[in-house]
Amino acid sequence: LWKPINGVSLLHTLFEQVKKDIIPCLESNLHLDFTGKILNSLNDWVNIENDVKNGKVIIPYGVKAISSHAFWKNYNLEEITIPNNILSIGTGAFQECNNLKTVVFDQRTQQIYLYPSVFKNTGIEMIKFPTDFLYKLPFDLFAYCLNLKEIYIPSSVDKLSLSAFRGCIFLDKIHWKNRIYSYDDLLTYKQIF
């Protein structure tokens, strides 16, 4: 450990690495959480707690994923912008954000993996996903979103399932594959292919 390699001690090398990689992370505005939710410079999970200003959150560029329950029960959150660099959104990330009305996805987003219950019991009124960025609507994705009235589903999604929209009794328009469906259609057929 203390013996120099190529004239430089391992301890000195370690110190330089910490100074170069870790210190800037600690000085950034991102929340650092050593429970498995790591910040963007490690291209891993990120948890942005209490980062709501005026009810709006713009996920910083460089963040690759939003962790499970990252904004859970954040009653101040009204609008969120999700950039095209996000690869996944964890289970219940926005669950119980009752005042969340607007979710804006960068329309250049290629593909994203959504875990179950991401938007469960939120105040979302309308949502439009980018073209061909989803292949599956996970269980309880929009469950009990009572304000949800209209949704645009990419044609890349292989089927519509009642489980994704459980309790969305006011959902009037589900735009999918050049047709418009309703919540009642899902109640009748359970799944639409």
C-alpha atoms as a PDB file:
ATOM      1  CA  LEU A   1       0.000   0.000   0.000  1.00  0.00           C
ATOM      2  CA  TRP A   2       2.756   2.427   0.897  1.00  0.00           C
ATOM      3  CA  LYS A   3       5.341   1.199  -1.592  1.00  0.00           C
ATOM      4  CA  PRO A   4       5.625   3.544  -4.582  1.00  0.00           C
ATOM      5  CA  ILE A   5       4.696   2.147  -7.994  1.00  0.00           C
ATOM      6  CA  ASN A   6       6.307   4.035 -10.851  1.00  0.00           C
ATOM      7  CA  GLY A   7       7.413   6.622  -8.295  1.00  0.00           C
ATOM      8  CA  VAL A   8       3.855   7.310  -6.977  1.00  0.00           C
ATOM      9  CA  SER A   9       2.397   5.811  -3.796  1.00  0.00           C
ATOM     10  CA  LEU A  10      -0.986   4.106  -3.913  1.00  0.00           C
ATOM     11  CA  LEU A  11      -2.220   6.466  -1.202  1.00  0.00           C
ATOM     12  CA  HIS A  12      -1.294   9.495  -3.323  1.00  0.00           C
ATOM     13  CA  THR A  13      -3.048   7.917  -6.345  1.00  0.00           C
ATOM     14  CA  LEU A  14      -6.162   7.269  -4.263  1.00  0.00           C
ATOM     15  CA  PHE A  15      -6.144  10.844  -2.934  1.00  0.00           C
ATOM     16  CA  GLU A  16      -5.887  12.234  -6.485  1.00  0.00           C
ATOM     17  CA  GLN A  17      -8.776  10.024  -7.639  1.00  0.00           C
ATOM     18  CA  VAL A  18     -10.997  11.177  -4.763  1.00  0.00           C
ATOM     19  CA  LYS A  19     -10.070  14.804  -5.436  1.00  0.00           C
ATOM     20  CA  LYS A  20     -10.853  14.415  -9.123  1.00  0.00           C
ATOM     21  CA  ASP A  21     -14.069  12.313  -9.002  1.00  0.00           C
ATOM     22  CA  ILE A  22     -15.689  12.464  -5.575  1.00  0.00           C
ATOM     23  CA  ILE A  23     -15.172  16.054  -4.395  1.00  0.00           C
ATOM     24  CA  PRO A  24     -16.924  17.625  -7.448  1.00  0.00           C
ATOM     25  CA  CYS A  25     -19.874  15.277  -6.850  1.00  0.00           C
ATOM     26  CA  LEU A  26     -20.169  16.384  -3.255  1.00  0.00           C
ATOM     27  CA  GLU A  27     -20.062  20.028  -4.314  1.00  0.00           C
ATOM     28  CA  SER A  28     -22.784  19.606  -6.960  1.00  0.00           C
ATOM     29  CA  ASN A  29     -26.420  20.555  -6.405  1.00  0.00           C
ATOM     30  CA  LEU A  30     -27.584  16.959  -6.736  1.00  0.00           C
ATOM     31  CA  HIS A  31     -28.638  14.936  -3.730  1.00  0.00           C
ATOM     32  CA  LEU A  32     -26.070  12.260  -2.892  1.00  0.00           C
ATOM     33  CA  ASP A  33     -27.519   9.226  -1.176  1.00  0.00           C
ATOM     34  CA  PHE A  34     -25.336   6.231  -0.340  1.00  0.00           C
ATOM     35  CA  THR A  35     -28.292   3.852   0.063  1.00  0.00           C
ATOM     36  CA  GLY A  36     -28.028   2.751  -3.560  1.00  0.00           C
ATOM     37  CA  LYS A  37     -29.327   5.919  -5.180  1.00  0.00           C
ATOM     38  CA  ILE A  38     -26.217   7.503  -6.623  1.00  0.00           C
ATOM     39  CA  LEU A  39     -25.810  10.735  -8.543  1.00  0.00           C
ATOM     40  CA  ASN A  40     -25.535  11.288 -12.269  1.00  0.00           C
ATOM     41  CA  SER A  41     -21.758  11.301 -12.674  1.00  0.00           C
ATOM     42  CA  LEU A  42     -21.818   7.602 -11.830  1.00  0.00           C
ATOM     43  CA  ASN A  43     -24.604   7.106 -14.427  1.00  0.00           C
ATOM     44  CA  ASP A  44     -26.685   5.364 -11.827  1.00  0.00           C
ATOM     45  CA  TRP A  45     -29.864   5.962  -9.808  1.00  0.00           C
ATOM     46  CA  VAL A  46     -30.603   9.430  -8.621  1.00  0.00           C
ATOM     47  CA  ASN A  47     -32.986  10.620  -5.949  1.00  0.00           C
ATOM     48  CA  ILE A  48     -33.808  14.320  -6.098  1.00  0.00           C
ATOM     49  CA  GLU A  49     -35.507  15.088  -2.798  1.00  0.00           C
ATOM     50  CA  ASN A  50     -36.958  18.456  -1.906  1.00  0.00           C
ATOM     51  CA  ASP A  51     -35.764  19.968  -5.173  1.00  0.00           C
ATOM     52  CA  VAL A  52     -39.134  21.486  -6.029  1.00  0.00           C
ATOM     53  CA  LYS A  53     -39.163  25.202  -6.796  1.00  0.00           C
ATOM     54  CA  ASN A  54     -42.486  26.859  -7.594  1.00  0.00           C
ATOM     55  CA  GLY A  55     -44.045  23.427  -8.074  1.00  0.00           C
ATOM     56  CA  LYS A  56     -41.859  22.582 -11.098  1.00  0.00           C
ATOM     57  CA  VAL A  57     -38.949  20.180 -11.455  1.00  0.00           C
ATOM     58  CA  ILE A  58     -36.657  19.871 -14.438  1.00  0.00           C
ATOM     59  CA  ILE A  59     -34.551  16.749 -14.166  1.00  0.00           C
ATOM     60  CA  PRO A  60     -30.910  17.752 -14.720  1.00  0.00           C
ATOM     61  CA  TYR A  61     -29.209  16.611 -17.894  1.00  0.00           C
ATOM     62  CA  GLY A  62     -26.880  13.725 -17.161  1.00  0.00           C
ATOM     63  CA  VAL A  63     -29.265  11.956 -14.793  1.00  0.00           C
ATOM     64  CA  LYS A  64     -29.922   8.496 -16.244  1.00  0.00           C
ATOM     65  CA  ALA A  65     -32.712   7.232 -13.975  1.00  0.00           C
ATOM     66  CA  ILE A  66     -35.264   8.372 -11.427  1.00  0.00           C
ATOM     67  CA  SER A  67     -35.268   6.069  -8.415  1.00  0.00           C
ATOM     68  CA  SER A  68     -38.245   4.314  -6.881  1.00  0.00           C
ATOM     69  CA  HIS A  69     -40.354   6.656  -4.771  1.00  0.00           C
ATOM     70  CA  ALA A  70     -38.032   9.602  -5.556  1.00  0.00           C
ATOM     71  CA  PHE A  71     -40.894  12.129  -5.356  1.00  0.00           C
ATOM     72  CA  TRP A  72     -43.409   9.984  -3.454  1.00  0.00           C
ATOM     73  CA  LYS A  73     -46.067  12.069  -1.676  1.00  0.00           C
ATOM     74  CA  ASN A  74     -44.482  15.340  -2.764  1.00  0.00           C
ATOM     75  CA  TYR A  75     -47.572  17.529  -2.581  1.00  0.00           C
ATOM     76  CA  ASN A  76     -45.720  20.618  -3.871  1.00  0.00           C
ATOM     77  CA  LEU A  77     -44.894  19.043  -7.222  1.00  0.00           C
ATOM     78  CA  GLU A  78     -47.161  20.344  -9.994  1.00  0.00           C
ATOM     79  CA  GLU A  79     -45.101  19.912 -13.152  1.00  0.00           C
ATOM     80  CA  ILE A  80     -42.120  17.799 -14.160  1.00  0.00           C
ATOM     81  CA  THR A  81     -40.001  17.842 -17.305  1.00  0.00           C
ATOM     82  CA  ILE A  82     -38.239  14.582 -18.109  1.00  0.00           C
ATOM     83  CA  PRO A  83     -35.307  14.912 -20.538  1.00  0.00           C
ATOM     84  CA  ASN A  84     -34.378  12.406 -23.238  1.00  0.00           C
ATOM     85  CA  ASN A  85     -31.396  11.051 -21.289  1.00  0.00           C
ATOM     86  CA  ILE A  86     -33.602   9.283 -18.702  1.00  0.00           C
ATOM     87  CA  LEU A  87     -33.488   5.506 -19.276  1.00  0.00           C
ATOM     88  CA  SER A  88     -35.842   4.363 -16.506  1.00  0.00           C
ATOM     89  CA  ILE A  89     -38.274   5.612 -13.895  1.00  0.00           C
ATOM     90  CA  GLY A  90     -38.558   3.458 -10.764  1.00  0.00           C
ATOM     91  CA  THR A  91     -41.615   2.033  -9.040  1.00  0.00           C
ATOM     92  CA  GLY A  92     -43.883   4.694  -7.578  1.00  0.00           C
ATOM     93  CA  ALA A  93     -41.482   7.512  -8.461  1.00  0.00           C
ATOM     94  CA  PHE A  94     -44.341  10.065  -8.551  1.00  0.00           C
ATOM     95  CA  GLN A  95     -46.944   8.055  -6.638  1.00  0.00           C
ATOM     96  CA  GLU A  96     -49.291  10.084  -4.425  1.00  0.00           C
ATOM     97  CA  CYS A  97     -48.125  13.417  -5.907  1.00  0.00           C
ATOM     98  CA  ASN A  98     -51.720  14.627  -5.838  1.00  0.00           C
ATOM     99  CA  ASN A  99     -50.955  18.059  -7.285  1.00  0.00           C
ATOM    100  CA  LEU A 100     -48.841  16.761 -10.180  1.00  0.00           C
ATOM    101  CA  LYS A 101     -50.851  17.836 -13.213  1.00  0.00           C
ATOM    102  CA  THR A 102     -48.298  18.096 -16.006  1.00  0.00           C
ATOM    103  CA  VAL A 103     -45.637  15.610 -17.102  1.00  0.00           C
ATOM    104  CA  VAL A 104     -43.594  16.685 -20.116  1.00  0.00           C
ATOM    105  CA  PHE A 105     -41.419  14.105 -21.844  1.00  0.00           C
ATOM    106  CA  ASP A 106     -38.779  15.323 -24.265  1.00  0.00           C
ATOM    107  CA  GLN A 107     -40.228  14.220 -27.606  1.00  0.00           C
ATOM    108  CA  ARG A 108     -36.751  13.103 -28.732  1.00  0.00           C
ATOM    109  CA  THR A 109     -36.751  10.336 -26.104  1.00  0.00           C
ATOM    110  CA  GLN A 110     -35.985   7.043 -27.819  1.00  0.00           C
ATOM    111  CA  GLN A 111     -36.928   4.491 -25.190  1.00  0.00           C
ATOM    112  CA  ILE A 112     -37.572   4.455 -21.473  1.00  0.00           C
ATOM    113  CA  TYR A 113     -38.405   1.696 -19.026  1.00  0.00           C
ATOM    114  CA  LEU A 114     -41.252   2.514 -16.673  1.00  0.00           C
ATOM    115  CA  TYR A 115     -41.724   0.400 -13.564  1.00  0.00           C
ATOM    116  CA  PRO A 116     -45.173  -0.200 -11.964  1.00  0.00           C
ATOM    117  CA  SER A 117     -47.127   2.574 -10.240  1.00  0.00           C
ATOM    118  CA  VAL A 118     -44.933   5.426 -11.558  1.00  0.00           C
ATOM    119  CA  PHE A 119     -47.873   7.868 -11.781  1.00  0.00           C
ATOM    120  CA  LYS A 120     -50.315   6.092  -9.433  1.00  0.00           C
ATOM    121  CA  ASN A 121     -52.773   8.401  -7.690  1.00  0.00           C
ATOM    122  CA  THR A 122     -51.448  11.661  -9.123  1.00  0.00           C
ATOM    123  CA  GLY A 123     -53.353  14.684 -10.395  1.00  0.00           C
ATOM    124  CA  ILE A 124     -52.279  14.172 -14.027  1.00  0.00           C
ATOM    125  CA  GLU A 125     -54.933  15.424 -16.440  1.00  0.00           C
ATOM    126  CA  MET A 126     -53.372  14.584 -19.806  1.00  0.00           C
ATOM    127  CA  ILE A 127     -50.161  12.930 -20.936  1.00  0.00           C
ATOM    128  CA  LYS A 128     -48.535  12.415 -24.311  1.00  0.00           C
ATOM    129  CA  PHE A 129     -45.658   9.983 -24.622  1.00  0.00           C
ATOM    130  CA  PRO A 130     -43.035  10.369 -27.349  1.00  0.00           C
ATOM    131  CA  THR A 131     -43.478   8.193 -30.431  1.00  0.00           C
ATOM    132  CA  ASP A 132     -42.288   4.608 -30.038  1.00  0.00           C
ATOM    133  CA  PHE A 133     -40.630   5.061 -26.678  1.00  0.00           C
ATOM    134  CA  LEU A 134     -42.651   2.482 -24.743  1.00  0.00           C
ATOM    135  CA  TYR A 135     -43.365  -1.171 -25.439  1.00  0.00           C
ATOM    136  CA  LYS A 136     -45.355  -2.054 -22.360  1.00  0.00           C
ATOM    137  CA  LEU A 137     -47.626  -0.242 -19.934  1.00  0.00           C
ATOM    138  CA  PRO A 138     -46.735  -1.606 -16.492  1.00  0.00           C
ATOM    139  CA  PHE A 139     -49.231  -2.591 -13.834  1.00  0.00           C
ATOM    140  CA  ASP A 140     -50.873   0.362 -12.043  1.00  0.00           C
ATOM    141  CA  LEU A 141     -48.969   2.897 -14.166  1.00  0.00           C
ATOM    142  CA  PHE A 142     -51.861   5.391 -13.883  1.00  0.00           C
ATOM    143  CA  ALA A 143     -54.007   3.669 -11.240  1.00  0.00           C
ATOM    144  CA  TYR A 144     -56.496   5.982  -9.525  1.00  0.00           C
ATOM    145  CA  CYS A 145     -55.528   9.074 -11.503  1.00  0.00           C
ATOM    146  CA  LEU A 146     -58.989  10.560 -11.175  1.00  0.00           C
ATOM    147  CA  ASN A 147     -58.109  13.729 -13.114  1.00  0.00           C
ATOM    148  CA  LEU A 148     -56.729  11.796 -16.095  1.00  0.00           C
ATOM    149  CA  LYS A 149     -59.056  12.460 -19.014  1.00  0.00           C
ATOM    150  CA  GLU A 150     -56.868  11.961 -22.078  1.00  0.00           C
ATOM    151  CA  ILE A 151     -53.733  10.000 -22.890  1.00  0.00           C
ATOM    152  CA  TYR A 152     -51.653   9.425 -26.013  1.00  0.00           C
ATOM    153  CA  ILE A 153     -50.075   5.961 -26.092  1.00  0.00           C
ATOM    154  CA  PRO A 154     -47.296   5.219 -28.618  1.00  0.00           C
ATOM    155  CA  SER A 155     -48.192   2.649 -31.264  1.00  0.00           C
ATOM    156  CA  SER A 156     -45.134   0.665 -30.151  1.00  0.00           C
ATOM    157  CA  VAL A 157     -47.127  -0.501 -27.092  1.00  0.00           C
ATOM    158  CA  ASP A 158     -48.387  -3.990 -27.913  1.00  0.00           C
ATOM    159  CA  LYS A 159     -51.639  -3.933 -25.894  1.00  0.00           C
ATOM    160  CA  LEU A 160     -53.786  -1.802 -23.639  1.00  0.00           C
ATOM    161  CA  SER A 161     -54.609  -3.368 -20.316  1.00  0.00           C
ATOM    162  CA  LEU A 162     -57.107  -2.402 -17.651  1.00  0.00           C
ATOM    163  CA  SER A 163     -54.429  -2.996 -14.996  1.00  0.00           C
ATOM    164  CA  ALA A 164     -52.453   0.075 -16.148  1.00  0.00           C
ATOM    165  CA  PHE A 165     -55.502   2.348 -15.751  1.00  0.00           C
ATOM    166  CA  ARG A 166     -57.236   0.778 -12.745  1.00  0.00           C
ATOM    167  CA  GLY A 167     -59.666   3.257 -11.172  1.00  0.00           C
ATOM    168  CA  CYS A 168     -59.253   5.960 -13.873  1.00  0.00           C
ATOM    169  CA  ILE A 169     -63.030   6.301 -14.121  1.00  0.00           C
ATOM    170  CA  PHE A 170     -62.966   9.699 -15.845  1.00  0.00           C
ATOM    171  CA  LEU A 171     -60.558   8.657 -18.602  1.00  0.00           C
ATOM    172  CA  ASP A 172     -62.492   9.509 -21.783  1.00  0.00           C
ATOM    173  CA  LYS A 173     -59.865   9.345 -24.509  1.00  0.00           C
ATOM    174  CA  ILE A 174     -57.074   6.824 -24.925  1.00  0.00           C
ATOM    175  CA  HIS A 175     -55.369   7.584 -28.242  1.00  0.00           C
ATOM    176  CA  TRP A 176     -53.661   4.430 -29.508  1.00  0.00           C
ATOM    177  CA  LYS A 177     -52.909   3.068 -32.993  1.00  0.00           C
ATOM    178  CA  ASN A 178     -55.045   5.682 -34.782  1.00  0.00           C
ATOM    179  CA  ARG A 179     -58.127   4.931 -32.682  1.00  0.00           C
ATOM    180  CA  ILE A 180     -59.681   6.413 -29.588  1.00  0.00           C
ATOM    181  CA  TYR A 181     -60.720   4.149 -26.721  1.00  0.00           C
ATOM    182  CA  SER A 182     -62.297   4.882 -23.355  1.00  0.00           C
ATOM    183  CA  TYR A 183     -61.998   3.496 -19.856  1.00  0.00           C
ATOM    184  CA  ASP A 184     -65.344   1.773 -20.449  1.00  0.00           C
ATOM    185  CA  ASP A 185     -63.784  -0.098 -23.402  1.00  0.00           C
ATOM    186  CA  LEU A 186     -61.095  -1.394 -21.051  1.00  0.00           C
ATOM    187  CA  LEU A 187     -63.709  -2.412 -18.486  1.00  0.00           C
ATOM    188  CA  THR A 188     -65.540  -4.356 -21.169  1.00  0.00           C
ATOM    189  CA  TYR A 189     -62.577  -6.075 -22.815  1.00  0.00           C
ATOM    190  CA  LYS A 190     -59.920  -6.031 -20.008  1.00  0.00           C
ATOM    191  CA  GLN A 191     -57.260  -5.937 -22.758  1.00  0.00           C
ATOM    192  CA  ILE A 192     -57.226  -4.489 -26.250  1.00  0.00           C
ATOM    193  CA  PHE A 193     -54.734  -5.732 -28.859  1.00  0.00           C
END
